[in-house]
Amino acid sequence: TPVAALLQRAHHRLLTGGWCSGALVDQDGARC
């Protein structure tokens, strides 16, 4: 399903690219 696939891709992006707080994207490329 499209929403489930989007949430799954977002989860994988945070796993591989890093997580941050306080910004959509930090200076290192990590995302909220």
PDB file of all heavy atoms in Angstrom:
ATOM      1  N   THR A   1       0.841  -1.189   0.000  1.00  0.00           N
ATOM      2  CA  THR A   1       0.000   0.000   0.000  1.00  0.00           C
ATOM      3  C   THR A   1       0.880   1.244   0.000  1.00  0.00           C
ATOM      4  O   THR A   1       1.961   1.242   0.577  1.00  0.00           O
ATOM      5  CB  THR A   1      -0.934   0.002   1.227  1.00  0.00           C
ATOM      6  OG1 THR A   1      -0.138  -0.031   2.407  1.00  0.00           O
ATOM      7  CG2 THR A   1      -1.861  -1.212   1.208  1.00  0.00           C
ATOM      8  N   PRO A   2       0.432   2.338  -0.646  1.00  0.00           N
ATOM      9  CA  PRO A   2       1.309   3.497  -0.828  1.00  0.00           C
ATOM     10  C   PRO A   2       1.723   4.196   0.471  1.00  0.00           C
ATOM     11  O   PRO A   2       2.896   4.557   0.634  1.00  0.00           O
ATOM     12  CB  PRO A   2       0.516   4.436  -1.725  1.00  0.00           C
ATOM     13  CG  PRO A   2      -0.838   3.877  -1.853  1.00  0.00           C
ATOM     14  CD  PRO A   2      -0.830   2.483  -1.338  1.00  0.00           C
ATOM     15  N   VAL A   3       0.812   4.400   1.418  1.00  0.00           N
ATOM     16  CA  VAL A   3       1.162   5.090   2.668  1.00  0.00           C
ATOM     17  C   VAL A   3       2.094   4.217   3.497  1.00  0.00           C
ATOM     18  O   VAL A   3       3.087   4.705   4.057  1.00  0.00           O
ATOM     19  CB  VAL A   3      -0.108   5.478   3.462  1.00  0.00           C
ATOM     20  CG1 VAL A   3       0.242   6.010   4.836  1.00  0.00           C
ATOM     21  CG2 VAL A   3      -0.932   6.499   2.686  1.00  0.00           C
ATOM     22  N   ALA A   4       1.802   2.932   3.569  1.00  0.00           N
ATOM     23  CA  ALA A   4       2.660   2.019   4.318  1.00  0.00           C
ATOM     24  C   ALA A   4       4.054   1.957   3.702  1.00  0.00           C
ATOM     25  O   ALA A   4       5.061   1.963   4.410  1.00  0.00           O
ATOM     26  CB  ALA A   4       2.042   0.626   4.371  1.00  0.00           C
ATOM     27  N   ALA A   5       4.119   1.931   2.372  1.00  0.00           N
ATOM     28  CA  ALA A   5       5.419   1.902   1.697  1.00  0.00           C
ATOM     29  C   ALA A   5       6.188   3.197   1.949  1.00  0.00           C
ATOM     30  O   ALA A   5       7.406   3.174   2.159  1.00  0.00           O
ATOM     31  CB  ALA A   5       5.227   1.672   0.203  1.00  0.00           C
ATOM     32  N   LEU A   6       5.488   4.346   1.948  1.00  0.00           N
ATOM     33  CA  LEU A   6       6.142   5.621   2.236  1.00  0.00           C
ATOM     34  C   LEU A   6       6.710   5.638   3.650  1.00  0.00           C
ATOM     35  O   LEU A   6       7.852   6.045   3.862  1.00  0.00           O
ATOM     36  CB  LEU A   6       5.149   6.774   2.047  1.00  0.00           C
ATOM     37  CG  LEU A   6       5.613   8.148   2.528  1.00  0.00           C
ATOM     38  CD1 LEU A   6       6.853   8.588   1.786  1.00  0.00           C
ATOM     39  CD2 LEU A   6       4.498   9.158   2.384  1.00  0.00           C
ATOM     40  N   LEU A   7       5.941   5.188   4.632  1.00  0.00           N
ATOM     41  CA  LEU A   7       6.418   5.152   6.019  1.00  0.00           C
ATOM     42  C   LEU A   7       7.603   4.205   6.169  1.00  0.00           C
ATOM     43  O   LEU A   7       8.552   4.477   6.910  1.00  0.00           O
ATOM     44  CB  LEU A   7       5.276   4.769   6.958  1.00  0.00           C
ATOM     45  CG  LEU A   7       4.210   5.853   7.152  1.00  0.00           C
ATOM     46  CD1 LEU A   7       2.965   5.274   7.797  1.00  0.00           C
ATOM     47  CD2 LEU A   7       4.767   7.006   7.977  1.00  0.00           C
ATOM     48  N   GLN A   8       7.544   3.116   5.434  1.00  0.00           N
ATOM     49  CA  GLN A   8       8.649   2.159   5.482  1.00  0.00           C
ATOM     50  C   GLN A   8       9.918   2.767   4.868  1.00  0.00           C
ATOM     51  O   GLN A   8      11.010   2.604   5.405  1.00  0.00           O
ATOM     52  CB  GLN A   8       8.247   0.887   4.737  1.00  0.00           C
ATOM     53  CG  GLN A   8       9.253  -0.218   4.815  1.00  0.00           C
ATOM     54  CD  GLN A   8       8.784  -1.442   4.053  1.00  0.00           C
ATOM     55  OE1 GLN A   8       8.137  -1.327   3.022  1.00  0.00           O
ATOM     56  NE2 GLN A   8       9.100  -2.603   4.578  1.00  0.00           N
ATOM     57  N   ARG A   9       9.781   3.464   3.766  1.00  0.00           N
ATOM     58  CA  ARG A   9      10.941   4.121   3.147  1.00  0.00           C
ATOM     59  C   ARG A   9      11.505   5.212   4.064  1.00  0.00           C
ATOM     60  O   ARG A   9      12.722   5.385   4.174  1.00  0.00           O
ATOM     61  CB  ARG A   9      10.554   4.715   1.791  1.00  0.00           C
ATOM     62  CG  ARG A   9      10.331   3.691   0.699  1.00  0.00           C
ATOM     63  CD  ARG A   9      10.246   4.323  -0.682  1.00  0.00           C
ATOM     64  NE  ARG A   9       9.379   5.487  -0.765  1.00  0.00           N
ATOM     65  CZ  ARG A   9       8.078   5.467  -1.076  1.00  0.00           C
ATOM     66  NH1 ARG A   9       7.484   4.311  -1.317  1.00  0.00           N
ATOM     67  NH2 ARG A   9       7.379   6.597  -1.150  1.00  0.00           N
ATOM     68  N   ALA A  10      10.624   5.959   4.728  1.00  0.00           N
ATOM     69  CA  ALA A  10      11.074   6.992   5.664  1.00  0.00           C
ATOM     70  C   ALA A  10      11.837   6.364   6.827  1.00  0.00           C
ATOM     71  O   ALA A  10      12.874   6.878   7.267  1.00  0.00           O
ATOM     72  CB  ALA A  10       9.876   7.794   6.172  1.00  0.00           C
ATOM     73  N   HIS A  11      11.346   5.246   7.303  1.00  0.00           N
ATOM     74  CA  HIS A  11      12.038   4.510   8.375  1.00  0.00           C
ATOM     75  C   HIS A  11      13.435   4.098   7.920  1.00  0.00           C
ATOM     76  O   HIS A  11      14.432   4.291   8.636  1.00  0.00           O
ATOM     77  CB  HIS A  11      11.200   3.286   8.768  1.00  0.00           C
ATOM     78  CG  HIS A  11      11.837   2.415   9.794  1.00  0.00           C
ATOM     79  ND1 HIS A  11      12.518   1.270   9.459  1.00  0.00           N
ATOM     80  CD2 HIS A  11      11.915   2.528  11.138  1.00  0.00           C
ATOM     81  CE1 HIS A  11      12.975   0.705  10.560  1.00  0.00           C
ATOM     82  NE2 HIS A  11      12.627   1.446  11.595  1.00  0.00           N
ATOM     83  N   HIS A  12      13.519   3.559   6.720  1.00  0.00           N
ATOM     84  CA  HIS A  12      14.815   3.119   6.195  1.00  0.00           C
ATOM     85  C   HIS A  12      15.749   4.319   5.986  1.00  0.00           C
ATOM     86  O   HIS A  12      16.957   4.225   6.240  1.00  0.00           O
ATOM     87  CB  HIS A  12      14.625   2.340   4.892  1.00  0.00           C
ATOM     88  CG  HIS A  12      15.898   1.785   4.362  1.00  0.00           C
ATOM     89  ND1 HIS A  12      16.564   0.739   4.962  1.00  0.00           N
ATOM     90  CD2 HIS A  12      16.659   2.147   3.297  1.00  0.00           C
ATOM     91  CE1 HIS A  12      17.659   0.477   4.293  1.00  0.00           C
ATOM     92  NE2 HIS A  12      17.743   1.318   3.274  1.00  0.00           N
ATOM     93  N   ARG A  13      15.205   5.439   5.538  1.00  0.00           N
ATOM     94  CA  ARG A  13      16.023   6.639   5.350  1.00  0.00           C
ATOM     95  C   ARG A  13      16.624   7.089   6.675  1.00  0.00           C
ATOM     96  O   ARG A  13      17.798   7.461   6.747  1.00  0.00           O
ATOM     97  CB  ARG A  13      15.221   7.773   4.737  1.00  0.00           C
ATOM     98  CG  ARG A  13      16.063   9.045   4.591  1.00  0.00           C
ATOM     99  CD  ARG A  13      15.388  10.080   3.755  1.00  0.00           C
ATOM    100  NE  ARG A  13      15.292   9.744   2.356  1.00  0.00           N
ATOM    101  CZ  ARG A  13      16.255   9.947   1.450  1.00  0.00           C
ATOM    102  NH1 ARG A  13      17.399  10.460   1.827  1.00  0.00           N
ATOM    103  NH2 ARG A  13      16.069   9.640   0.202  1.00  0.00           N
ATOM    104  N   LEU A  14      15.838   7.041   7.759  1.00  0.00           N
ATOM    105  CA  LEU A  14      16.369   7.429   9.072  1.00  0.00           C
ATOM    106  C   LEU A  14      17.419   6.433   9.558  1.00  0.00           C
ATOM    107  O   LEU A  14      18.389   6.817  10.203  1.00  0.00           O
ATOM    108  CB  LEU A  14      15.245   7.571  10.096  1.00  0.00           C
ATOM    109  CG  LEU A  14      14.301   8.754   9.905  1.00  0.00           C
ATOM    110  CD1 LEU A  14      13.297   8.814  11.046  1.00  0.00           C
ATOM    111  CD2 LEU A  14      15.051  10.054   9.788  1.00  0.00           C
ATOM    112  N   LEU A  15      17.206   5.160   9.253  1.00  0.00           N
ATOM    113  CA  LEU A  15      18.194   4.149   9.648  1.00  0.00           C
ATOM    114  C   LEU A  15      19.530   4.374   8.953  1.00  0.00           C
ATOM    115  O   LEU A  15      20.588   4.264   9.569  1.00  0.00           O
ATOM    116  CB  LEU A  15      17.688   2.749   9.302  1.00  0.00           C
ATOM    117  CG  LEU A  15      16.810   2.036  10.302  1.00  0.00           C
ATOM    118  CD1 LEU A  15      16.331   0.718   9.729  1.00  0.00           C
ATOM    119  CD2 LEU A  15      17.523   1.819  11.609  1.00  0.00           C
ATOM    120  N   THR A  16      19.475   4.670   7.679  1.00  0.00           N
ATOM    121  CA  THR A  16      20.715   4.781   6.908  1.00  0.00           C
ATOM    122  C   THR A  16      21.293   6.190   6.900  1.00  0.00           C
ATOM    123  O   THR A  16      22.506   6.356   6.880  1.00  0.00           O
ATOM    124  CB  THR A  16      20.489   4.327   5.454  1.00  0.00           C
ATOM    125  OG1 THR A  16      19.438   5.107   4.877  1.00  0.00           O
ATOM    126  CG2 THR A  16      20.137   2.855   5.408  1.00  0.00           C
ATOM    127  N   GLY A  17      20.438   7.216   6.903  1.00  0.00           N
ATOM    128  CA  GLY A  17      20.913   8.587   6.794  1.00  0.00           C
ATOM    129  C   GLY A  17      21.065   9.311   8.112  1.00  0.00           C
ATOM    130  O   GLY A  17      21.656  10.380   8.171  1.00  0.00           O
ATOM    131  N   GLY A  18      20.479   8.772   9.156  1.00  0.00           N
ATOM    132  CA  GLY A  18      20.575   9.392  10.471  1.00  0.00           C
ATOM    133  C   GLY A  18      19.313  10.142  10.860  1.00  0.00           C
ATOM    134  O   GLY A  18      18.520  10.543  10.021  1.00  0.00           O
ATOM    135  N   TRP A  19      19.138  10.303  12.164  1.00  0.00           N
ATOM    136  CA  TRP A  19      17.975  10.967  12.745  1.00  0.00           C
ATOM    137  C   TRP A  19      18.444  12.245  13.426  1.00  0.00           C
ATOM    138  O   TRP A  19      19.553  12.300  13.968  1.00  0.00           O
ATOM    139  CB  TRP A  19      17.313  10.041  13.764  1.00  0.00           C
ATOM    140  CG  TRP A  19      16.245  10.696  14.554  1.00  0.00           C
ATOM    141  CD1 TRP A  19      14.936  10.818  14.223  1.00  0.00           C
ATOM    142  CD2 TRP A  19      16.390  11.333  15.838  1.00  0.00           C
ATOM    143  NE1 TRP A  19      14.254  11.485  15.203  1.00  0.00           N
ATOM    144  CE2 TRP A  19      15.125  11.820  16.206  1.00  0.00           C
ATOM    145  CE3 TRP A  19      17.452  11.552  16.692  1.00  0.00           C
ATOM    146  CZ2 TRP A  19      14.901  12.498  17.390  1.00  0.00           C
ATOM    147  CZ3 TRP A  19      17.233  12.224  17.870  1.00  0.00           C
ATOM    148  CH2 TRP A  19      15.965  12.691  18.217  1.00  0.00           C
ATOM    149  N   CYS A  20      17.597  13.273  13.391  1.00  0.00           N
ATOM    150  CA  CYS A  20      17.917  14.507  14.098  1.00  0.00           C
ATOM    151  C   CYS A  20      16.653  15.063  14.725  1.00  0.00           C
ATOM    152  O   CYS A  20      15.542  14.615  14.424  1.00  0.00           O
ATOM    153  CB  CYS A  20      18.546  15.538  13.168  1.00  0.00           C
ATOM    154  SG  CYS A  20      17.398  16.286  11.999  1.00  0.00           S
ATOM    155  N   SER A  21      16.815  16.059  15.590  1.00  0.00           N
ATOM    156  CA  SER A  21      15.662  16.753  16.164  1.00  0.00           C
ATOM    157  C   SER A  21      15.916  18.244  16.026  1.00  0.00           C
ATOM    158  O   SER A  21      17.055  18.692  15.923  1.00  0.00           O
ATOM    159  CB  SER A  21      15.454  16.372  17.630  1.00  0.00           C
ATOM    160  OG  SER A  21      16.530  16.826  18.406  1.00  0.00           O
ATOM    161  N   GLY A  22      14.819  19.012  15.994  1.00  0.00           N
ATOM    162  CA  GLY A  22      14.948  20.456  15.921  1.00  0.00           C
ATOM    163  C   GLY A  22      15.017  21.022  14.519  1.00  0.00           C
ATOM    164  O   GLY A  22      15.028  22.230  14.347  1.00  0.00           O
ATOM    165  N   ALA A  23      15.075  20.171  13.502  1.00  0.00           N
ATOM    166  CA  ALA A  23      15.136  20.628  12.113  1.00  0.00           C
ATOM    167  C   ALA A  23      14.656  19.507  11.209  1.00  0.00           C
ATOM    168  O   ALA A  23      14.717  18.332  11.581  1.00  0.00           O
ATOM    169  CB  ALA A  23      16.555  21.016  11.738  1.00  0.00           C
ATOM    170  N   LEU A  24      14.162  19.873  10.028  1.00  0.00           N
ATOM    171  CA  LEU A  24      13.784  18.841   9.063  1.00  0.00           C
ATOM    172  C   LEU A  24      15.027  18.077   8.601  1.00  0.00           C
ATOM    173  O   LEU A  24      14.994  16.859   8.471  1.00  0.00           O
ATOM    174  CB  LEU A  24      13.063  19.454   7.855  1.00  0.00           C
ATOM    175  CG  LEU A  24      11.640  19.947   8.094  1.00  0.00           C
ATOM    176  CD1 LEU A  24      11.103  20.630   6.845  1.00  0.00           C
ATOM    177  CD2 LEU A  24      10.735  18.812   8.514  1.00  0.00           C
ATOM    178  N   VAL A  25      16.098  18.830   8.336  1.00  0.00           N
ATOM    179  CA  VAL A  25      17.371  18.241   7.920  1.00  0.00           C
ATOM    180  C   VAL A  25      18.475  19.025   8.630  1.00  0.00           C
ATOM    181  O   VAL A  25      18.466  20.249   8.618  1.00  0.00           O
ATOM    182  CB  VAL A  25      17.571  18.352   6.389  1.00  0.00           C
ATOM    183  CG1 VAL A  25      18.880  17.708   5.972  1.00  0.00           C
ATOM    184  CG2 VAL A  25      16.410  17.738   5.636  1.00  0.00           C
ATOM    185  N   ASP A  26      19.423  18.303   9.265  1.00  0.00           N
ATOM    186  CA  ASP A  26      20.519  19.023   9.920  1.00  0.00           C
ATOM    187  C   ASP A  26      21.703  19.177   8.959  1.00  0.00           C
ATOM    188  O   ASP A  26      21.640  18.735   7.804  1.00  0.00           O
ATOM    189  CB  ASP A  26      20.925  18.359  11.240  1.00  0.00           C
ATOM    190  CG  ASP A  26      21.624  17.030  11.069  1.00  0.00           C
ATOM    191  OD1 ASP A  26      21.829  16.574   9.922  1.00  0.00           O
ATOM    192  OD2 ASP A  26      21.984  16.427  12.096  1.00  0.00           O
ATOM    193  N   GLN A  27      22.789  19.793   9.415  1.00  0.00           N
ATOM    194  CA  GLN A  27      23.939  20.071   8.557  1.00  0.00           C
ATOM    195  C   GLN A  27      24.632  18.805   8.072  1.00  0.00           C
ATOM    196  O   GLN A  27      25.319  18.823   7.051  1.00  0.00           O
ATOM    197  CB  GLN A  27      24.947  20.997   9.265  1.00  0.00           C
ATOM    198  CG  GLN A  27      25.617  20.408  10.474  1.00  0.00           C
ATOM    199  CD  GLN A  27      24.804  20.599  11.757  1.00  0.00           C
ATOM    200  OE1 GLN A  27      23.651  21.014  11.722  1.00  0.00           O
ATOM    201  NE2 GLN A  27      25.410  20.262  12.875  1.00  0.00           N
ATOM    202  N   ASP A  28      24.445  17.674   8.775  1.00  0.00           N
ATOM    203  CA  ASP A  28      25.062  16.409   8.363  1.00  0.00           C
ATOM    204  C   ASP A  28      24.176  15.613   7.416  1.00  0.00           C
ATOM    205  O   ASP A  28      24.570  14.542   6.961  1.00  0.00           O
ATOM    206  CB  ASP A  28      25.385  15.557   9.591  1.00  0.00           C
ATOM    207  CG  ASP A  28      26.402  16.216  10.508  1.00  0.00           C
ATOM    208  OD1 ASP A  28      27.262  16.959   9.978  1.00  0.00           O
ATOM    209  OD2 ASP A  28      26.332  16.003  11.725  1.00  0.00           O
ATOM    210  N   GLY A  29      22.965  16.081   7.176  1.00  0.00           N
ATOM    211  CA  GLY A  29      22.049  15.365   6.288  1.00  0.00           C
ATOM    212  C   GLY A  29      21.079  14.449   7.012  1.00  0.00           C
ATOM    213  O   GLY A  29      20.248  13.813   6.386  1.00  0.00           O
ATOM    214  N   ALA A  30      21.181  14.371   8.338  1.00  0.00           N
ATOM    215  CA  ALA A  30      20.236  13.565   9.113  1.00  0.00           C
ATOM    216  C   ALA A  30      18.880  14.262   9.088  1.00  0.00           C
ATOM    217  O   ALA A  30      18.788  15.479   8.968  1.00  0.00           O
ATOM    218  CB  ALA A  30      20.737  13.402  10.540  1.00  0.00           C
ATOM    219  N   ARG A  31      17.812  13.488   9.189  1.00  0.00           N
ATOM    220  CA  ARG A  31      16.469  14.042   9.072  1.00  0.00           C
ATOM    221  C   ARG A  31      15.635  13.688  10.300  1.00  0.00           C
ATOM    222  O   ARG A  31      15.881  12.708  10.968  1.00  0.00           O
ATOM    223  CB  ARG A  31      15.777  13.497   7.830  1.00  0.00           C
ATOM    224  CG  ARG A  31      16.524  13.836   6.561  1.00  0.00           C
ATOM    225  CD  ARG A  31      15.861  13.280   5.326  1.00  0.00           C
ATOM    226  NE  ARG A  31      16.671  13.490   4.157  1.00  0.00           N
ATOM    227  CZ  ARG A  31      16.785  14.641   3.505  1.00  0.00           C
ATOM    228  NH1 ARG A  31      16.123  15.679   3.905  1.00  0.00           N
ATOM    229  NH2 ARG A  31      17.557  14.741   2.442  1.00  0.00           N
ATOM    230  N   CYS A  32      14.598  14.499  10.520  1.00  0.00           N
ATOM    231  CA  CYS A  32      13.610  14.168  11.545  1.00  0.00           C
ATOM    232  C   CYS A  32      12.553  13.280  10.890  1.00  0.00           C
ATOM    233  O   CYS A  32      12.616  12.985   9.690  1.00  0.00           O
ATOM    234  CB  CYS A  32      12.992  15.435  12.126  1.00  0.00           C
ATOM    235  SG  CYS A  32      11.869  16.274  10.997  1.00  0.00           S
TER     236      CYS A  32
END
